[in-house]
Amino acid sequence: QVQLVESGGGLVQAGGSLRLSCVASGTIYRVNVMGWYRRVPDKERELVARIGSSGSTNYADSVKGRFTITRDNAKNTVYLQMSNLQPEDTSVYYCNAEGYSGTYYSSARFSSWGQGTQVTVSS
């Protein structure tokens, strides 16, 4: 089983910055994609950004140029640097990781979620 623990949320004024971190732990054979999602009113969650094991990235249009996703494969950790935050970025942010748990000889696919971290941007 793979667990994700997020950190770094908080309260910031508009125009400010925050950095979110998420560490994956457990019996991990390989983590393929790691990403950040956030809760929105008319959807359960929307993609904010995700990054593959090779470093390829995808961003929601609303955060392009303001947010940067990076990862440390050796530490199974993903980061989200958020700059020029706006009140509409206020949400609960969730980390997601997909890959294979177990060992080379016996592995199974997994998709795990963190518990969420609150980001609040005041105007």
PDB file of N, CA and C in Angstrom:
ATOM      1  N   GLN A   1       0.843  -1.182   0.000  1.00  0.00           N
ATOM      2  CA  GLN A   1       0.000   0.000   0.000  1.00  0.00           C
ATOM      3  C   GLN A   1       0.888   1.247   0.000  1.00  0.00           C
ATOM      4  N   VAL A   2       0.453   2.254  -0.734  1.00  0.00           N
ATOM      5  CA  VAL A   2       1.240   3.473  -0.868  1.00  0.00           C
ATOM      6  C   VAL A   2       0.479   4.622  -0.221  1.00  0.00           C
ATOM      7  N   GLN A   3       1.159   5.339   0.646  1.00  0.00           N
ATOM      8  CA  GLN A   3       0.553   6.479   1.331  1.00  0.00           C
ATOM      9  C   GLN A   3       1.195   7.775   0.844  1.00  0.00           C
ATOM     10  N   LEU A   4       0.382   8.822   0.795  1.00  0.00           N
ATOM     11  CA  LEU A   4       0.864  10.146   0.406  1.00  0.00           C
ATOM     12  C   LEU A   4       0.599  11.118   1.544  1.00  0.00           C
ATOM     13  N   VAL A   5       1.597  11.917   1.857  1.00  0.00           N
ATOM     14  CA  VAL A   5       1.456  12.928   2.900  1.00  0.00           C
ATOM     15  C   VAL A   5       1.832  14.282   2.324  1.00  0.00           C
ATOM     16  N   GLU A   6       0.869  15.210   2.386  1.00  0.00           N
ATOM     17  CA  GLU A   6       1.088  16.552   1.848  1.00  0.00           C
ATOM     18  C   GLU A   6       1.453  17.522   2.961  1.00  0.00           C
ATOM     19  N   SER A   7       2.114  18.594   2.588  1.00  0.00           N
ATOM     20  CA  SER A   7       2.422  19.668   3.528  1.00  0.00           C
ATOM     21  C   SER A   7       2.598  20.959   2.744  1.00  0.00           C
ATOM     22  N   GLY A   8       2.536  22.079   3.469  1.00  0.00           N
ATOM     23  CA  GLY A   8       2.849  23.356   2.846  1.00  0.00           C
ATOM     24  C   GLY A   8       1.682  24.276   2.602  1.00  0.00           C
ATOM     25  N   GLY A   9       0.466  23.833   2.857  1.00  0.00           N
ATOM     26  CA  GLY A   9      -0.674  24.722   2.666  1.00  0.00           C
ATOM     27  C   GLY A   9      -0.697  25.819   3.710  1.00  0.00           C
ATOM     28  N   GLY A  10      -1.620  26.757   3.537  1.00  0.00           N
ATOM     29  CA  GLY A  10      -1.741  27.837   4.500  1.00  0.00           C
ATOM     30  C   GLY A  10      -2.513  29.009   3.963  1.00  0.00           C
ATOM     31  N   LEU A  11      -2.384  30.136   4.666  1.00  0.00           N
ATOM     32  CA  LEU A  11      -3.063  31.371   4.315  1.00  0.00           C
ATOM     33  C   LEU A  11      -2.047  32.355   3.766  1.00  0.00           C
ATOM     34  N   VAL A  12      -2.378  32.962   2.632  1.00  0.00           N
ATOM     35  CA  VAL A  12      -1.470  33.926   2.008  1.00  0.00           C
ATOM     36  C   VAL A  12      -2.289  35.026   1.360  1.00  0.00           C
ATOM     37  N   GLN A  13      -1.704  36.191   1.251  1.00  0.00           N
ATOM     38  CA  GLN A  13      -2.385  37.299   0.576  1.00  0.00           C
ATOM     39  C   GLN A  13      -2.252  37.154  -0.938  1.00  0.00           C
ATOM     40  N   ALA A  14      -3.179  37.751  -1.654  1.00  0.00           N
ATOM     41  CA  ALA A  14      -3.132  37.743  -3.113  1.00  0.00           C
ATOM     42  C   ALA A  14      -1.784  38.283  -3.588  1.00  0.00           C
ATOM     43  N   GLY A  15      -1.216  37.587  -4.570  1.00  0.00           N
ATOM     44  CA  GLY A  15       0.096  37.944  -5.067  1.00  0.00           C
ATOM     45  C   GLY A  15       1.225  37.208  -4.382  1.00  0.00           C
ATOM     46  N   GLY A  16       0.914  36.513  -3.311  1.00  0.00           N
ATOM     47  CA  GLY A  16       1.930  35.785  -2.561  1.00  0.00           C
ATOM     48  C   GLY A  16       2.230  34.421  -3.139  1.00  0.00           C
ATOM     49  N   SER A  17       3.082  33.676  -2.435  1.00  0.00           N
ATOM     50  CA  SER A  17       3.537  32.374  -2.907  1.00  0.00           C
ATOM     51  C   SER A  17       3.436  31.332  -1.798  1.00  0.00           C
ATOM     52  N   LEU A  18       3.272  30.098  -2.215  1.00  0.00           N
ATOM     53  CA  LEU A  18       3.316  28.946  -1.320  1.00  0.00           C
ATOM     54  C   LEU A  18       3.954  27.791  -2.069  1.00  0.00           C
ATOM     55  N   ARG A  19       4.543  26.881  -1.321  1.00  0.00           N
ATOM     56  CA  ARG A  19       5.115  25.674  -1.905  1.00  0.00           C
ATOM     57  C   ARG A  19       4.512  24.462  -1.208  1.00  0.00           C
ATOM     58  N   LEU A  20       3.877  23.607  -1.994  1.00  0.00           N
ATOM     59  CA  LEU A  20       3.321  22.370  -1.480  1.00  0.00           C
ATOM     60  C   LEU A  20       4.303  21.227  -1.730  1.00  0.00           C
ATOM     61  N   SER A  21       4.331  20.283  -0.788  1.00  0.00           N
ATOM     62  CA  SER A  21       5.155  19.088  -0.933  1.00  0.00           C
ATOM     63  C   SER A  21       4.298  17.858  -0.685  1.00  0.00           C
ATOM     64  N   CYS A  22       4.664  16.766  -1.311  1.00  0.00           N
ATOM     65  CA  CYS A  22       3.945  15.503  -1.128  1.00  0.00           C
ATOM     66  C   CYS A  22       4.955  14.362  -1.227  1.00  0.00           C
ATOM     67  N   VAL A  23       4.981  13.552  -0.180  1.00  0.00           N
ATOM     68  CA  VAL A  23       5.904  12.411  -0.128  1.00  0.00           C
ATOM     69  C   VAL A  23       5.117  11.113  -0.207  1.00  0.00           C
ATOM     70  N   ALA A  24       5.535  10.234  -1.085  1.00  0.00           N
ATOM     71  CA  ALA A  24       4.939   8.910  -1.202  1.00  0.00           C
ATOM     72  C   ALA A  24       5.797   7.912  -0.449  1.00  0.00           C
ATOM     73  N   SER A  25       5.129   7.035   0.319  1.00  0.00           N
ATOM     74  CA  SER A  25       5.861   6.028   1.074  1.00  0.00           C
ATOM     75  C   SER A  25       5.110   4.710   1.030  1.00  0.00           C
ATOM     76  N   GLY A  26       5.812   3.648   1.385  1.00  0.00           N
ATOM     77  CA  GLY A  26       5.226   2.324   1.346  1.00  0.00           C
ATOM     78  C   GLY A  26       6.078   1.424   0.485  1.00  0.00           C
ATOM     79  N   THR A  27       5.494   0.320   0.067  1.00  0.00           N
ATOM     80  CA  THR A  27       6.228  -0.628  -0.782  1.00  0.00           C
ATOM     81  C   THR A  27       6.076  -0.167  -2.226  1.00  0.00           C
ATOM     82  N   ILE A  28       6.982   0.686  -2.644  1.00  0.00           N
ATOM     83  CA  ILE A  28       6.905   1.294  -3.965  1.00  0.00           C
ATOM     84  C   ILE A  28       7.931   0.664  -4.885  1.00  0.00           C
ATOM     85  N   TYR A  29       7.460   0.164  -6.000  1.00  0.00           N
ATOM     86  CA  TYR A  29       8.394  -0.322  -7.015  1.00  0.00           C
ATOM     87  C   TYR A  29       8.729   0.809  -7.981  1.00  0.00           C
ATOM     88  N   ARG A  30       7.702   1.501  -8.447  1.00  0.00           N
ATOM     89  CA  ARG A  30       7.938   2.622  -9.357  1.00  0.00           C
ATOM     90  C   ARG A  30       6.764   3.588  -9.293  1.00  0.00           C
ATOM     91  N   VAL A  31       7.068   4.883  -9.239  1.00  0.00           N
ATOM     92  CA  VAL A  31       6.034   5.903  -9.344  1.00  0.00           C
ATOM     93  C   VAL A  31       6.100   6.497 -10.740  1.00  0.00           C
ATOM     94  N   ASN A  32       5.016   6.415 -11.481  1.00  0.00           N
ATOM     95  CA  ASN A  32       5.005   6.922 -12.850  1.00  0.00           C
ATOM     96  C   ASN A  32       4.626   8.390 -12.891  1.00  0.00           C
ATOM     97  N   VAL A  33       3.414   8.694 -12.525  1.00  0.00           N
ATOM     98  CA  VAL A  33       2.904  10.061 -12.597  1.00  0.00           C
ATOM     99  C   VAL A  33       2.574  10.558 -11.193  1.00  0.00           C
ATOM    100  N   MET A  34       2.954  11.791 -10.926  1.00  0.00           N
ATOM    101  CA  MET A  34       2.561  12.453  -9.687  1.00  0.00           C
ATOM    102  C   MET A  34       1.892  13.764 -10.067  1.00  0.00           C
ATOM    103  N   GLY A  35       0.895  14.139  -9.298  1.00  0.00           N
ATOM    104  CA  GLY A  35       0.180  15.350  -9.666  1.00  0.00           C
ATOM    105  C   GLY A  35      -0.527  15.999  -8.507  1.00  0.00           C
ATOM    106  N   TRP A  36      -1.019  17.183  -8.785  1.00  0.00           N
ATOM    107  CA  TRP A  36      -1.806  17.954  -7.819  1.00  0.00           C
ATOM    108  C   TRP A  36      -3.170  18.263  -8.419  1.00  0.00           C
ATOM    109  N   TYR A  37      -4.189  18.095  -7.599  1.00  0.00           N
ATOM    110  CA  TYR A  37      -5.561  18.392  -7.969  1.00  0.00           C
ATOM    111  C   TYR A  37      -6.138  19.304  -6.888  1.00  0.00           C
ATOM    112  N   ARG A  38      -7.231  19.979  -7.219  1.00  0.00           N
ATOM    113  CA  ARG A  38      -7.893  20.792  -6.209  1.00  0.00           C
ATOM    114  C   ARG A  38      -9.411  20.655  -6.352  1.00  0.00           C
ATOM    115  N   ARG A  39     -10.072  20.861  -5.248  1.00  0.00           N
ATOM    116  CA  ARG A  39     -11.518  20.726  -5.220  1.00  0.00           C
ATOM    117  C   ARG A  39     -12.130  21.966  -5.840  1.00  0.00           C
ATOM    118  N   VAL A  40     -13.163  21.766  -6.662  1.00  0.00           N
ATOM    119  CA  VAL A  40     -13.897  22.875  -7.272  1.00  0.00           C
ATOM    120  C   VAL A  40     -15.383  22.619  -7.081  1.00  0.00           C
ATOM    121  N   PRO A  41     -16.221  23.683  -7.095  1.00  0.00           N
ATOM    122  CA  PRO A  41     -17.639  23.535  -6.738  1.00  0.00           C
ATOM    123  C   PRO A  41     -18.419  22.540  -7.601  1.00  0.00           C
ATOM    124  N   ASP A  42     -18.205  22.546  -8.948  1.00  0.00           N
ATOM    125  CA  ASP A  42     -19.040  21.710  -9.801  1.00  0.00           C
ATOM    126  C   ASP A  42     -18.354  20.431 -10.240  1.00  0.00           C
ATOM    127  N   LYS A  43     -17.194  20.138  -9.684  1.00  0.00           N
ATOM    128  CA  LYS A  43     -16.492  18.893  -9.964  1.00  0.00           C
ATOM    129  C   LYS A  43     -15.962  18.364  -8.655  1.00  0.00           C
ATOM    130  N   GLU A  44     -15.664  17.092  -8.626  1.00  0.00           N
ATOM    131  CA  GLU A  44     -15.059  16.568  -7.403  1.00  0.00           C
ATOM    132  C   GLU A  44     -13.665  17.141  -7.235  1.00  0.00           C
ATOM    133  N   ARG A  45     -12.854  17.038  -8.280  1.00  0.00           N
ATOM    134  CA  ARG A  45     -11.505  17.602  -8.271  1.00  0.00           C
ATOM    135  C   ARG A  45     -11.107  17.947  -9.702  1.00  0.00           C
ATOM    136  N   GLU A  46     -10.275  18.982  -9.819  1.00  0.00           N
ATOM    137  CA  GLU A  46      -9.759  19.312 -11.140  1.00  0.00           C
ATOM    138  C   GLU A  46      -8.240  19.232 -11.112  1.00  0.00           C
ATOM    139  N   LEU A  47      -7.681  18.869 -12.248  1.00  0.00           N
ATOM    140  CA  LEU A  47      -6.229  18.783 -12.364  1.00  0.00           C
ATOM    141  C   LEU A  47      -5.627  20.178 -12.285  1.00  0.00           C
ATOM    142  N   VAL A  48      -4.602  20.313 -11.466  1.00  0.00           N
ATOM    143  CA  VAL A  48      -3.819  21.541 -11.414  1.00  0.00           C
ATOM    144  C   VAL A  48      -2.541  21.364 -12.236  1.00  0.00           C
ATOM    145  N   ALA A  49      -1.797  20.301 -11.941  1.00  0.00           N
ATOM    146  CA  ALA A  49      -0.562  20.020 -12.668  1.00  0.00           C
ATOM    147  C   ALA A  49      -0.153  18.583 -12.391  1.00  0.00           C
ATOM    148  N   ARG A  50       0.536  17.981 -13.342  1.00  0.00           N
ATOM    149  CA  ARG A  50       1.062  16.649 -13.122  1.00  0.00           C
ATOM    150  C   ARG A  50       2.386  16.511 -13.851  1.00  0.00           C
ATOM    151  N   ILE A  51       3.178  15.537 -13.392  1.00  0.00           N
ATOM    152  CA  ILE A  51       4.522  15.373 -13.933  1.00  0.00           C
ATOM    153  C   ILE A  51       4.831  13.894 -14.043  1.00  0.00           C
ATOM    154  N   GLY A  52       5.377  13.503 -15.186  1.00  0.00           N
ATOM    155  CA  GLY A  52       5.761  12.120 -15.390  1.00  0.00           C
ATOM    156  C   GLY A  52       7.146  11.843 -14.836  1.00  0.00           C
ATOM    157  N   SER A  53       7.522  10.578 -14.861  1.00  0.00           N
ATOM    158  CA  SER A  53       8.810  10.186 -14.303  1.00  0.00           C
ATOM    159  C   SER A  53       9.978  10.767 -15.088  1.00  0.00           C
ATOM    160  N   SER A  54       9.743  11.106 -16.356  1.00  0.00           N
ATOM    161  CA  SER A  54      10.809  11.692 -17.181  1.00  0.00           C
ATOM    162  C   SER A  54      10.867  13.200 -17.056  1.00  0.00           C
ATOM    163  N   GLY A  55       9.879  13.783 -16.339  1.00  0.00           N
ATOM    164  CA  GLY A  55       9.855  15.224 -16.156  1.00  0.00           C
ATOM    165  C   GLY A  55       8.868  15.966 -17.030  1.00  0.00           C
ATOM    166  N   SER A  56       8.152  15.249 -17.889  1.00  0.00           N
ATOM    167  CA  SER A  56       7.149  15.912 -18.723  1.00  0.00           C
ATOM    168  C   SER A  56       6.012  16.420 -17.846  1.00  0.00           C
ATOM    169  N   THR A  57       5.484  17.593 -18.176  1.00  0.00           N
ATOM    170  CA  THR A  57       4.492  18.233 -17.322  1.00  0.00           C
ATOM    171  C   THR A  57       3.229  18.631 -18.087  1.00  0.00           C
ATOM    172  N   ASN A  58       2.127  18.717 -17.346  1.00  0.00           N
ATOM    173  CA  ASN A  58       0.868  19.264 -17.849  1.00  0.00           C
ATOM    174  C   ASN A  58       0.332  20.218 -16.796  1.00  0.00           C
ATOM    175  N   TYR A  59      -0.243  21.324 -17.243  1.00  0.00           N
ATOM    176  CA  TYR A  59      -0.812  22.311 -16.331  1.00  0.00           C
ATOM    177  C   TYR A  59      -2.224  22.688 -16.771  1.00  0.00           C
ATOM    178  N   ALA A  60      -3.051  23.006 -15.801  1.00  0.00           N
ATOM    179  CA  ALA A  60      -4.335  23.619 -16.112  1.00  0.00           C
ATOM    180  C   ALA A  60      -4.064  25.009 -16.677  1.00  0.00           C
ATOM    181  N   ASP A  61      -4.895  25.435 -17.622  1.00  0.00           N
ATOM    182  CA  ASP A  61      -4.691  26.748 -18.239  1.00  0.00           C
ATOM    183  C   ASP A  61      -4.688  27.859 -17.194  1.00  0.00           C
ATOM    184  N   SER A  62      -5.477  27.694 -16.148  1.00  0.00           N
ATOM    185  CA  SER A  62      -5.633  28.750 -15.149  1.00  0.00           C
ATOM    186  C   SER A  62      -4.383  28.975 -14.309  1.00  0.00           C
ATOM    187  N   VAL A  63      -3.444  28.021 -14.325  1.00  0.00           N
ATOM    188  CA  VAL A  63      -2.254  28.168 -13.484  1.00  0.00           C
ATOM    189  C   VAL A  63      -0.962  28.276 -14.297  1.00  0.00           C
ATOM    190  N   LYS A  64      -1.061  28.153 -15.602  1.00  0.00           N
ATOM    191  CA  LYS A  64       0.142  28.233 -16.439  1.00  0.00           C
ATOM    192  C   LYS A  64       0.835  29.572 -16.238  1.00  0.00           C
ATOM    193  N   GLY A  65       2.145  29.514 -16.069  1.00  0.00           N
ATOM    194  CA  GLY A  65       2.928  30.723 -15.857  1.00  0.00           C
ATOM    195  C   GLY A  65       2.994  31.157 -14.406  1.00  0.00           C
ATOM    196  N   ARG A  66       2.175  30.565 -13.547  1.00  0.00           N
ATOM    197  CA  ARG A  66       2.185  30.928 -12.123  1.00  0.00           C
ATOM    198  C   ARG A  66       2.628  29.760 -11.244  1.00  0.00           C
ATOM    199  N   PHE A  67       2.278  28.547 -11.609  1.00  0.00           N
ATOM    200  CA  PHE A  67       2.605  27.361 -10.815  1.00  0.00           C
ATOM    201  C   PHE A  67       3.662  26.537 -11.541  1.00  0.00           C
ATOM    202  N   THR A  68       4.531  25.907 -10.761  1.00  0.00           N
ATOM    203  CA  THR A  68       5.549  25.020 -11.316  1.00  0.00           C
ATOM    204  C   THR A  68       5.576  23.721 -10.525  1.00  0.00           C
ATOM    205  N   ILE A  69       5.455  22.608 -11.228  1.00  0.00           N
ATOM    206  CA  ILE A  69       5.516  21.292 -10.590  1.00  0.00           C
ATOM    207  C   ILE A  69       6.872  20.673 -10.860  1.00  0.00           C
ATOM    208  N   THR A  70       7.468  20.108  -9.834  1.00  0.00           N
ATOM    209  CA  THR A  70       8.737  19.395  -9.954  1.00  0.00           C
ATOM    210  C   THR A  70       8.668  18.140  -9.097  1.00  0.00           C
ATOM    211  N   ARG A  71       9.619  17.241  -9.292  1.00  0.00           N
ATOM    212  CA  ARG A  71       9.647  16.029  -8.480  1.00  0.00           C
ATOM    213  C   ARG A  71      11.076  15.597  -8.241  1.00  0.00           C
ATOM    214  N   ASP A  72      11.239  14.867  -7.158  1.00  0.00           N
ATOM    215  CA  ASP A  72      12.516  14.242  -6.815  1.00  0.00           C
ATOM    216  C   ASP A  72      12.257  12.744  -6.816  1.00  0.00           C
ATOM    217  N   ASN A  73      12.662  12.071  -7.881  1.00  0.00           N
ATOM    218  CA  ASN A  73      12.366  10.642  -8.019  1.00  0.00           C
ATOM    219  C   ASN A  73      13.022   9.809  -6.920  1.00  0.00           C
ATOM    220  N   ALA A  74      14.199  10.211  -6.502  1.00  0.00           N
ATOM    221  CA  ALA A  74      14.899   9.442  -5.466  1.00  0.00           C
ATOM    222  C   ALA A  74      14.154   9.481  -4.137  1.00  0.00           C
ATOM    223  N   LYS A  75      13.414  10.555  -3.915  1.00  0.00           N
ATOM    224  CA  LYS A  75      12.682  10.713  -2.658  1.00  0.00           C
ATOM    225  C   LYS A  75      11.183  10.461  -2.823  1.00  0.00           C
ATOM    226  N   ASN A  76      10.750  10.089  -4.036  1.00  0.00           N
ATOM    227  CA  ASN A  76       9.313   9.900  -4.302  1.00  0.00           C
ATOM    228  C   ASN A  76       8.506  11.102  -3.813  1.00  0.00           C
ATOM    229  N   THR A  77       8.979  12.269  -4.136  1.00  0.00           N
ATOM    230  CA  THR A  77       8.385  13.513  -3.661  1.00  0.00           C
ATOM    231  C   THR A  77       8.052  14.416  -4.844  1.00  0.00           C
ATOM    232  N   VAL A  78       6.903  15.058  -4.744  1.00  0.00           N
ATOM    233  CA  VAL A  78       6.497  16.022  -5.749  1.00  0.00           C
ATOM    234  C   VAL A  78       6.242  17.362  -5.064  1.00  0.00           C
ATOM    235  N   TYR A  79       6.581  18.436  -5.761  1.00  0.00           N
ATOM    236  CA  TYR A  79       6.417  19.778  -5.237  1.00  0.00           C
ATOM    237  C   TYR A  79       5.533  20.608  -6.177  1.00  0.00           C
ATOM    238  N   LEU A  80       4.853  21.568  -5.602  1.00  0.00           N
ATOM    239  CA  LEU A  80       4.100  22.520  -6.401  1.00  0.00           C
ATOM    240  C   LEU A  80       4.436  23.913  -5.885  1.00  0.00           C
ATOM    241  N   GLN A  81       5.209  24.648  -6.664  1.00  0.00           N
ATOM    242  CA  GLN A  81       5.531  26.029  -6.333  1.00  0.00           C
ATOM    243  C   GLN A  81       4.445  26.914  -6.921  1.00  0.00           C
ATOM    244  N   MET A  82       3.741  27.624  -6.059  1.00  0.00           N
ATOM    245  CA  MET A  82       2.631  28.462  -6.486  1.00  0.00           C
ATOM    246  C   MET A  82       2.995  29.920  -6.255  1.00  0.00           C
ATOM    247  N   SER A  83       2.969  30.700  -7.331  1.00  0.00           N
ATOM    248  CA  SER A  83       3.312  32.113  -7.255  1.00  0.00           C
ATOM    249  C   SER A  83       2.145  32.955  -7.752  1.00  0.00           C
ATOM    250  N   ASN A  84       2.182  34.231  -7.403  1.00  0.00           N
ATOM    251  CA  ASN A  84       1.109  35.155  -7.798  1.00  0.00           C
ATOM    252  C   ASN A  84      -0.265  34.535  -7.521  1.00  0.00           C
ATOM    253  N   LEU A  85      -0.435  34.032  -6.312  1.00  0.00           N
ATOM    254  CA  LEU A  85      -1.691  33.376  -5.952  1.00  0.00           C
ATOM    255  C   LEU A  85      -2.835  34.371  -5.940  1.00  0.00           C
ATOM    256  N   GLN A  86      -3.989  33.898  -6.349  1.00  0.00           N
ATOM    257  CA  GLN A  86      -5.192  34.719  -6.419  1.00  0.00           C
ATOM    258  C   GLN A  86      -6.302  34.085  -5.572  1.00  0.00           C
ATOM    259  N   PRO A  87      -7.295  34.862  -5.169  1.00  0.00           N
ATOM    260  CA  PRO A  87      -8.375  34.302  -4.346  1.00  0.00           C
ATOM    261  C   PRO A  87      -9.049  33.088  -4.992  1.00  0.00           C
ATOM    262  N   GLU A  88      -9.115  33.052  -6.306  1.00  0.00           N
ATOM    263  CA  GLU A  88      -9.753  31.907  -6.968  1.00  0.00           C
ATOM    264  C   GLU A  88      -8.919  30.634  -6.874  1.00  0.00           C
ATOM    265  N   ASP A  89      -7.689  30.736  -6.381  1.00  0.00           N
ATOM    266  CA  ASP A  89      -6.870  29.544  -6.154  1.00  0.00           C
ATOM    267  C   ASP A  89      -7.193  28.890  -4.810  1.00  0.00           C
ATOM    268  N   THR A  90      -8.012  29.556  -4.007  1.00  0.00           N
ATOM    269  CA  THR A  90      -8.392  28.992  -2.712  1.00  0.00           C
ATOM    270  C   THR A  90      -9.106  27.656  -2.907  1.00  0.00           C
ATOM    271  N   SER A  91      -8.610  26.645  -2.239  1.00  0.00           N
ATOM    272  CA  SER A  91      -9.191  25.305  -2.355  1.00  0.00           C
ATOM    273  C   SER A  91      -8.431  24.349  -1.446  1.00  0.00           C
ATOM    274  N   VAL A  92      -8.912  23.130  -1.413  1.00  0.00           N
ATOM    275  CA  VAL A  92      -8.145  22.027  -0.831  1.00  0.00           C
ATOM    276  C   VAL A  92      -7.368  21.369  -1.964  1.00  0.00           C
ATOM    277  N   TYR A  93      -6.073  21.249  -1.802  1.00  0.00           N
ATOM    278  CA  TYR A  93      -5.199  20.679  -2.818  1.00  0.00           C
ATOM    279  C   TYR A  93      -4.832  19.247  -2.426  1.00  0.00           C
ATOM    280  N   TYR A  94      -4.981  18.350  -3.388  1.00  0.00           N
ATOM    281  CA  TYR A  94      -4.725  16.931  -3.160  1.00  0.00           C
ATOM    282  C   TYR A  94      -3.573  16.464  -4.042  1.00  0.00           C
ATOM    283  N   CYS A  95      -2.733  15.652  -3.455  1.00  0.00           N
ATOM    284  CA  CYS A  95      -1.644  15.009  -4.191  1.00  0.00           C
ATOM    285  C   CYS A  95      -2.125  13.638  -4.689  1.00  0.00           C
ATOM    286  N   ASN A  96      -1.696  13.280  -5.883  1.00  0.00           N
ATOM    287  CA  ASN A  96      -2.007  11.967  -6.447  1.00  0.00           C
ATOM    288  C   ASN A  96      -0.739  11.349  -7.004  1.00  0.00           C
ATOM    289  N   ALA A  97      -0.616  10.045  -6.840  1.00  0.00           N
ATOM    290  CA  ALA A  97       0.509   9.320  -7.423  1.00  0.00           C
ATOM    291  C   ALA A  97      -0.001   8.018  -8.007  1.00  0.00           C
ATOM    292  N   GLU A  98       0.549   7.669  -9.159  1.00  0.00           N
ATOM    293  CA  GLU A  98       0.196   6.415  -9.829  1.00  0.00           C
ATOM    294  C   GLU A  98       1.473   5.688 -10.191  1.00  0.00           C
ATOM    295  N   GLY A  99       1.439   4.382 -10.068  1.00  0.00           N
ATOM    296  CA  GLY A  99       2.624   3.602 -10.428  1.00  0.00           C
ATOM    297  C   GLY A  99       2.424   2.153 -10.082  1.00  0.00           C
ATOM    298  N   TYR A 100       3.493   1.525  -9.615  1.00  0.00           N
ATOM    299  CA  TYR A 100       3.472   0.113  -9.258  1.00  0.00           C
ATOM    300  C   TYR A 100       4.051  -0.076  -7.861  1.00  0.00           C
ATOM    301  N   SER A 101       3.317  -0.811  -7.045  1.00  0.00           N
ATOM    302  CA  SER A 101       3.812  -1.173  -5.720  1.00  0.00           C
ATOM    303  C   SER A 101       4.359  -2.590  -5.766  1.00  0.00           C
ATOM    304  N   GLY A 102       5.102  -2.948  -4.740  1.00  0.00           N
ATOM    305  CA  GLY A 102       5.646  -4.299  -4.675  1.00  0.00           C
ATOM    306  C   GLY A 102       7.101  -4.336  -5.100  1.00  0.00           C
ATOM    307  N   THR A 103       7.462  -5.396  -5.823  1.00  0.00           N
ATOM    308  CA  THR A 103       8.840  -5.583  -6.254  1.00  0.00           C
ATOM    309  C   THR A 103       8.872  -5.872  -7.741  1.00  0.00           C
ATOM    310  N   TYR A 104      10.063  -5.983  -8.266  1.00  0.00           N
ATOM    311  CA  TYR A 104      10.219  -6.311  -9.693  1.00  0.00           C
ATOM    312  C   TYR A 104       9.541  -7.634 -10.009  1.00  0.00           C
ATOM    313  N   TYR A 105       9.587  -8.586  -9.073  1.00  0.00           N
ATOM    314  CA  TYR A 105       9.038  -9.934  -9.335  1.00  0.00           C
ATOM    315  C   TYR A 105       7.537 -10.009  -9.072  1.00  0.00           C
ATOM    316  N   SER A 106       7.012  -9.095  -8.296  1.00  0.00           N
ATOM    317  CA  SER A 106       5.589  -9.113  -7.963  1.00  0.00           C
ATOM    318  C   SER A 106       5.128  -7.697  -7.702  1.00  0.00           C
ATOM    319  N   SER A 107       4.490  -7.103  -8.699  1.00  0.00           N
ATOM    320  CA  SER A 107       4.053  -5.718  -8.547  1.00  0.00           C
ATOM    321  C   SER A 107       2.593  -5.582  -8.944  1.00  0.00           C
ATOM    322  N   ALA A 108       1.988  -4.527  -8.473  1.00  0.00           N
ATOM    323  CA  ALA A 108       0.595  -4.239  -8.779  1.00  0.00           C
ATOM    324  C   ALA A 108       0.441  -2.742  -8.964  1.00  0.00           C
ATOM    325  N   ARG A 109      -0.445  -2.365  -9.844  1.00  0.00           N
ATOM    326  CA  ARG A 109      -0.662  -0.934 -10.087  1.00  0.00           C
ATOM    327  C   ARG A 109      -1.321  -0.302  -8.869  1.00  0.00           C
ATOM    328  N   PHE A 110      -0.995   0.944  -8.624  1.00  0.00           N
ATOM    329  CA  PHE A 110      -1.673   1.685  -7.568  1.00  0.00           C
ATOM    330  C   PHE A 110      -1.985   3.096  -8.048  1.00  0.00           C
ATOM    331  N   SER A 111      -2.989   3.688  -7.415  1.00  0.00           N
ATOM    332  CA  SER A 111      -3.304   5.109  -7.572  1.00  0.00           C
ATOM    333  C   SER A 111      -3.739   5.587  -6.202  1.00  0.00           C
ATOM    334  N   SER A 112      -2.935   6.427  -5.605  1.00  0.00           N
ATOM    335  CA  SER A 112      -3.179   6.863  -4.233  1.00  0.00           C
ATOM    336  C   SER A 112      -3.387   8.373  -4.160  1.00  0.00           C
ATOM    337  N   TRP A 113      -4.138   8.774  -3.140  1.00  0.00           N
ATOM    338  CA  TRP A 113      -4.416  10.186  -2.883  1.00  0.00           C
ATOM    339  C   TRP A 113      -3.958  10.575  -1.488  1.00  0.00           C
ATOM    340  N   GLY A 114      -3.524  11.803  -1.357  1.00  0.00           N
ATOM    341  CA  GLY A 114      -3.231  12.344  -0.044  1.00  0.00           C
ATOM    342  C   GLY A 114      -4.506  12.823   0.629  1.00  0.00           C
ATOM    343  N   GLN A 115      -4.363  13.296   1.850  1.00  0.00           N
ATOM    344  CA  GLN A 115      -5.521  13.700   2.632  1.00  0.00           C
ATOM    345  C   GLN A 115      -5.989  15.109   2.293  1.00  0.00           C
ATOM    346  N   GLY A 116      -5.173  15.856   1.576  1.00  0.00           N
ATOM    347  CA  GLY A 116      -5.531  17.216   1.186  1.00  0.00           C
ATOM    348  C   GLY A 116      -4.923  18.248   2.104  1.00  0.00           C
ATOM    349  N   THR A 117      -4.576  19.391   1.542  1.00  0.00           N
ATOM    350  CA  THR A 117      -4.050  20.497   2.324  1.00  0.00           C
ATOM    351  C   THR A 117      -4.734  21.782   1.866  1.00  0.00           C
ATOM    352  N   GLN A 118      -5.149  22.584   2.826  1.00  0.00           N
ATOM    353  CA  GLN A 118      -5.920  23.784   2.526  1.00  0.00           C
ATOM    354  C   GLN A 118      -5.011  24.924   2.105  1.00  0.00           C
ATOM    355  N   VAL A 119      -5.385  25.560   1.000  1.00  0.00           N
ATOM    356  CA  VAL A 119      -4.726  26.785   0.540  1.00  0.00           C
ATOM    357  C   VAL A 119      -5.784  27.883   0.505  1.00  0.00           C
ATOM    358  N   THR A 120      -5.542  28.950   1.237  1.00  0.00           N
ATOM    359  CA  THR A 120      -6.481  30.070   1.292  1.00  0.00           C
ATOM    360  C   THR A 120      -5.762  31.351   0.879  1.00  0.00           C
ATOM    361  N   VAL A 121      -6.325  32.031  -0.110  1.00  0.00           N
ATOM    362  CA  VAL A 121      -5.720  33.267  -0.606  1.00  0.00           C
ATOM    363  C   VAL A 121      -6.687  34.410  -0.324  1.00  0.00           C
ATOM    364  N   SER A 122      -6.244  35.356   0.456  1.00  0.00           N
ATOM    365  CA  SER A 122      -7.091  36.492   0.803  1.00  0.00           C
ATOM    366  C   SER A 122      -6.858  37.655  -0.160  1.00  0.00           C
ATOM    367  N   SER A 123      -7.912  38.402  -0.412  1.00  0.00           N
ATOM    368  CA  SER A 123      -7.807  39.529  -1.361  1.00  0.00           C
ATOM    369  C   SER A 123      -7.392  40.812  -0.658  1.00  0.00           C
TER     370      SER A 123
END
